[in-house]
């Protein structure tokens, strides 16, 4: 029989709020905070606009490289600065350009120089000259001809038996071609300059044993920037995803 007041019942143990009973002595853990992701590399869209200046001597044609640059480096404007061959060294040394397409020789230990290609030498002659009868000439074929050497000559060709002009040499190749067009003399130039100054009253013929003109890419060693590296990569044919 029950005593006065009856027997007391023990209260049921409390359960954890999660519905899972914790073992004795277990400590409540605090969930670790997630770390924010590390910032990724800066994309072209995030870069500040800037300009890459490329010097060009007469006759150089960087068209395909310019197109590749504008596609690959849309945030970096490519500015083109025409240069006389006589001024190419100073333009690089004075940092008027970031890089330049130049004609060799260009001797300077402070410059990086990458040879690109050699140009075929040609003789520009009057359109009605007997020299146009041949598809190709040799220097010996120019013996007895008045050979005009302009002030911006880049070939330094020696023509045995050539006649010296009785007039002062023209300052630039364009003036020399105008003189040839008037029926006086011949002028030796790289193929690209013959194309640049082409006209109906002159003709051009390759000269197989004349000196070539080498076109190169040059830039100051102390100013090898990421933009310079990018342009060098384009000129050398590297793709946007290829490594150096």
Protein backbone atom coordinates (compact mmCIF):
# COMPACT_ATOMS: atom_id res chain seq x y z
CA UNK A 1 0.00 0.00 0.00
CA UNK A 2 1.14 3.48 -0.72
CA UNK A 3 2.18 5.71 2.12
CA UNK A 4 0.79 9.10 2.85
CA UNK A 5 1.04 11.29 -0.22
CA UNK A 6 1.96 8.27 -2.44
CA UNK A 7 5.34 7.60 -4.11
CA UNK A 8 7.18 10.27 -6.11
CA UNK A 9 8.06 9.77 -9.79
CA UNK A 10 11.48 10.76 -11.09
CA UNK A 11 11.37 13.48 -13.79
CA UNK A 12 12.29 12.31 -17.30
CA UNK A 13 15.80 13.38 -18.47
CA UNK A 14 15.87 16.39 -20.75
CA UNK A 15 16.91 15.90 -24.36
CA UNK A 16 19.18 18.13 -26.36
CA UNK A 17 17.43 20.63 -28.52
CA UNK A 18 18.67 18.80 -31.58
CA UNK A 19 16.96 15.62 -30.49
CA UNK A 20 20.31 13.87 -29.95
CA UNK A 21 21.43 12.99 -26.45
CA UNK A 22 24.97 14.23 -25.76
CA UNK A 23 27.37 11.89 -24.04
CA UNK A 24 28.43 12.88 -20.54
CA UNK A 25 31.29 15.36 -20.58
CA UNK A 26 30.80 16.28 -24.26
CA UNK A 27 31.37 19.93 -25.05
CA UNK A 28 29.27 21.94 -27.41
CA UNK A 29 31.27 22.78 -30.52
CA UNK A 30 31.05 26.01 -32.50
CA UNK A 31 30.79 25.73 -36.29
CA UNK A 32 33.94 27.10 -37.98
CA UNK A 33 33.44 30.20 -40.08
CA UNK A 34 34.13 29.80 -43.78
CA UNK A 35 37.07 31.83 -45.08
CA UNK A 36 36.37 34.11 -48.04
CA UNK A 37 37.95 32.87 -51.31
CA UNK A 38 41.36 34.28 -52.19
CA UNK A 39 41.26 37.02 -54.81
CA UNK A 40 42.01 35.75 -58.32
CA UNK A 41 44.36 37.31 -60.90
CA UNK A 42 43.48 40.71 -62.32
CA UNK A 43 41.76 40.35 -65.67
CA UNK A 44 42.17 42.63 -68.67
CA UNK A 45 38.78 44.14 -67.88
CA UNK A 46 40.03 45.21 -64.42
CA UNK A 47 43.25 46.87 -65.65
CA UNK A 48 43.55 50.61 -66.08
CA UNK A 49 43.72 51.72 -69.73
CA UNK A 50 47.23 52.54 -70.94
CA UNK A 51 49.19 52.97 -74.17
CA UNK A 52 51.91 50.86 -75.79
CA UNK A 53 53.93 52.89 -78.34
CA UNK A 54 55.54 51.05 -81.25
CA UNK A 55 58.07 52.78 -83.51
CA UNK A 56 58.10 51.93 -87.22
CA UNK A 57 60.83 52.65 -89.76
CA UNK A 58 59.73 53.06 -93.40
CA UNK A 59 58.79 49.85 -95.16
CA UNK A 60 57.90 47.80 -92.08
CA UNK A 61 54.40 46.29 -92.18
CA UNK A 62 53.15 45.09 -88.77
CA UNK A 63 49.50 44.75 -89.85
CA UNK A 64 48.90 41.17 -88.66
CA UNK A 65 50.65 41.88 -85.35
CA UNK A 66 48.53 44.98 -84.78
CA UNK A 67 45.34 42.97 -85.35
CA UNK A 68 46.49 40.28 -82.91
CA UNK A 69 47.38 42.93 -80.31
CA UNK A 70 43.97 44.61 -80.49
CA UNK A 71 42.26 41.26 -80.09
CA UNK A 72 44.46 40.07 -77.23
CA UNK A 73 45.07 43.38 -75.41
CA UNK A 74 41.84 45.40 -75.81
CA UNK A 75 42.53 47.60 -72.76
CA UNK A 76 45.96 48.68 -74.00
CA UNK A 77 45.95 51.16 -76.86
CA UNK A 78 48.60 50.52 -79.51
CA UNK A 79 50.06 53.81 -80.77
CA UNK A 80 52.25 53.79 -83.90
CA UNK A 81 55.10 56.29 -84.24
CA UNK A 82 56.84 56.58 -87.65
CA UNK A 83 60.62 56.80 -87.33
CA UNK A 84 63.42 57.63 -89.74
CA UNK A 85 66.16 54.99 -89.73
CA UNK A 86 68.61 57.68 -88.60
CA UNK A 87 66.36 58.35 -85.57
CA UNK A 88 65.54 54.78 -84.51
CA UNK A 89 68.35 54.45 -81.95
CA UNK A 90 67.62 57.77 -80.24
CA UNK A 91 63.89 57.01 -80.09
CA UNK A 92 64.60 53.81 -78.16
CA UNK A 93 67.30 55.28 -75.94
CA UNK A 94 65.11 58.28 -75.04
CA UNK A 95 62.07 56.04 -74.39
CA UNK A 96 59.93 57.82 -76.96
CA UNK A 97 58.74 54.33 -77.88
CA UNK A 98 58.28 51.14 -75.86
CA UNK A 99 59.64 49.05 -78.74
CA UNK A 100 60.37 49.55 -82.42
CA UNK A 101 60.62 47.73 -85.72
CA UNK A 102 64.08 48.79 -86.88
CA UNK A 103 66.65 48.09 -89.56
CA UNK A 104 69.97 46.58 -88.65
CA UNK A 105 72.74 47.23 -87.91
CA UNK A 106 71.81 48.65 -84.53
CA UNK A 107 74.65 47.98 -82.10
CA UNK A 108 73.79 48.71 -78.48
CA UNK A 109 74.29 46.38 -75.50
CA UNK A 110 71.45 48.19 -73.71
CA UNK A 111 68.91 46.98 -76.26
CA UNK A 112 67.21 43.64 -76.75
CA UNK A 113 67.19 42.87 -80.49
CA UNK A 114 65.18 40.09 -82.15
CA UNK A 115 65.96 39.54 -85.84
CA UNK A 116 62.75 39.05 -87.83
CA UNK A 117 63.47 38.78 -91.56
CA UNK A 118 65.77 39.82 -94.41
CA UNK A 119 64.42 41.89 -97.28
CA UNK A 120 65.20 41.26 -100.94
CA UNK A 121 67.20 44.17 -102.47
CA UNK A 122 65.85 45.66 -105.70
CA UNK A 123 66.93 48.24 -108.25
CA UNK A 124 64.39 50.94 -109.10
CA UNK A 125 64.90 52.00 -112.72
CA UNK A 126 62.98 54.14 -115.24
CA UNK A 127 59.99 52.26 -116.65
CA UNK A 128 61.47 52.38 -120.17
CA UNK A 129 65.00 51.33 -119.13
CA UNK A 130 66.73 48.49 -120.96
CA UNK A 131 67.29 46.93 -117.53
CA UNK A 132 63.61 45.94 -117.36
CA UNK A 133 64.23 43.29 -120.05
CA UNK A 134 65.53 40.95 -117.32
CA UNK A 135 63.44 39.55 -114.47
CA UNK A 136 66.44 39.69 -112.14
CA UNK A 137 69.66 41.70 -112.14
CA UNK A 138 73.19 41.42 -110.77
CA UNK A 139 75.28 44.33 -109.52
CA UNK A 140 77.45 43.95 -112.63
CA UNK A 141 74.42 44.81 -114.77
CA UNK A 142 74.42 48.28 -113.23
CA UNK A 143 77.93 49.14 -114.46
CA UNK A 144 77.84 52.38 -116.42
CA UNK A 145 74.58 53.45 -114.72
CA UNK A 146 74.21 56.50 -112.49
CA UNK A 147 73.56 55.00 -109.06
CA UNK A 148 71.78 57.39 -106.70
CA UNK A 149 72.41 56.93 -102.99
CA UNK A 150 69.89 58.88 -100.87
CA UNK A 151 70.69 60.22 -97.44
CA UNK A 152 68.52 57.56 -95.78
CA UNK A 153 70.09 54.63 -97.68
CA UNK A 154 69.99 51.35 -95.73
CA UNK A 155 71.83 48.96 -98.07
CA UNK A 156 75.30 50.52 -98.44
CA UNK A 157 75.73 48.64 -101.71
CA UNK A 158 78.94 48.91 -103.71
CA UNK A 159 78.34 48.83 -107.48
CA UNK A 160 81.49 48.23 -109.56
CA UNK A 161 81.70 50.52 -112.57
CA UNK A 162 78.77 52.71 -111.49
CA UNK A 163 78.77 56.41 -112.33
CA UNK A 164 78.55 58.99 -109.56
CA UNK A 165 75.77 61.58 -109.92
CA UNK A 166 76.81 65.14 -110.79
CA UNK A 167 74.14 66.46 -108.41
CA UNK A 168 73.80 66.41 -104.66
CA UNK A 169 72.30 63.17 -103.34
CA UNK A 170 68.61 63.39 -102.39
CA UNK A 171 67.91 63.50 -98.68
CA UNK A 172 65.35 60.68 -98.71
CA UNK A 173 64.46 57.65 -100.83
CA UNK A 174 61.21 59.20 -102.07
CA UNK A 175 63.18 62.04 -103.72
CA UNK A 176 65.61 59.54 -105.26
CA UNK A 177 62.70 57.63 -106.81
CA UNK A 178 61.33 60.88 -108.22
CA UNK A 179 64.70 61.50 -109.87
CA UNK A 180 64.67 58.00 -111.38
CA UNK A 181 61.12 58.61 -112.63
CA UNK A 182 62.46 61.64 -114.50
CA UNK A 183 64.75 59.26 -116.41
CA UNK A 184 67.97 59.79 -114.45
CA UNK A 185 69.84 56.94 -112.74
CA UNK A 186 68.85 53.95 -110.61
CA UNK A 187 68.47 53.49 -106.86
CA UNK A 188 68.94 50.36 -104.75
CA UNK A 189 66.42 49.79 -101.95
CA UNK A 190 64.78 46.95 -99.97
CA UNK A 191 61.69 45.47 -101.63
CA UNK A 192 59.31 47.04 -99.10
CA UNK A 193 60.56 50.55 -99.94
CA UNK A 194 60.14 49.86 -103.65
CA UNK A 195 56.53 48.94 -102.95
CA UNK A 196 56.06 51.96 -100.70
CA UNK A 197 57.25 54.33 -103.45
CA UNK A 198 55.82 52.42 -106.43
CA UNK A 199 54.64 54.50 -109.38
CA UNK A 200 53.84 53.91 -113.05
CA UNK A 201 56.95 55.60 -114.43
CA UNK A 202 59.44 53.36 -112.60
CA UNK A 203 60.05 49.61 -112.40
CA UNK A 204 61.74 47.39 -109.81
CA UNK A 205 63.96 44.38 -110.38
CA UNK A 206 65.52 42.11 -107.72
CA UNK A 207 69.33 42.28 -107.49
CA UNK A 208 70.55 38.82 -106.45
CA UNK A 209 73.99 39.78 -105.13
CA UNK A 210 73.18 43.11 -103.45
CA UNK A 211 73.20 43.42 -99.64
CA UNK A 212 69.97 42.58 -97.82
CA UNK A 213 68.28 44.74 -95.20
CA UNK A 214 67.40 42.98 -91.93
CA UNK A 215 64.30 44.07 -90.03
CA UNK A 216 64.30 43.49 -86.27
CA UNK A 217 62.27 44.20 -83.15
CA UNK A 218 64.19 46.19 -80.52
CA UNK A 219 63.46 47.56 -77.06
CA UNK A 220 65.49 48.81 -74.05
CA UNK A 221 66.64 46.01 -71.72
CA UNK A 222 65.80 48.11 -68.65
CA UNK A 223 62.22 48.60 -69.87
CA UNK A 224 61.10 45.02 -70.49
CA UNK A 225 57.51 45.40 -69.30
CA UNK A 226 54.59 42.97 -69.42
CA UNK A 227 53.32 44.84 -72.50
CA UNK A 228 56.67 44.45 -74.25
CA UNK A 229 56.65 40.73 -73.43
CA UNK A 230 53.12 40.49 -74.83
CA UNK A 231 54.12 42.13 -78.12
CA UNK A 232 57.26 39.98 -78.43
CA UNK A 233 55.06 36.93 -77.94
CA UNK A 234 52.72 38.06 -80.72
CA UNK A 235 55.61 38.69 -83.11
CA UNK A 236 57.10 35.27 -82.32
CA UNK A 237 53.77 33.56 -82.92
CA UNK A 238 52.92 32.59 -79.36
CA UNK A 239 49.22 32.13 -78.66
CA UNK A 240 47.40 33.89 -75.82
CA UNK A 241 47.57 30.70 -73.68
CA UNK A 242 51.13 29.62 -74.43
CA UNK A 243 54.00 30.14 -72.00
CA UNK A 244 57.22 31.95 -72.82
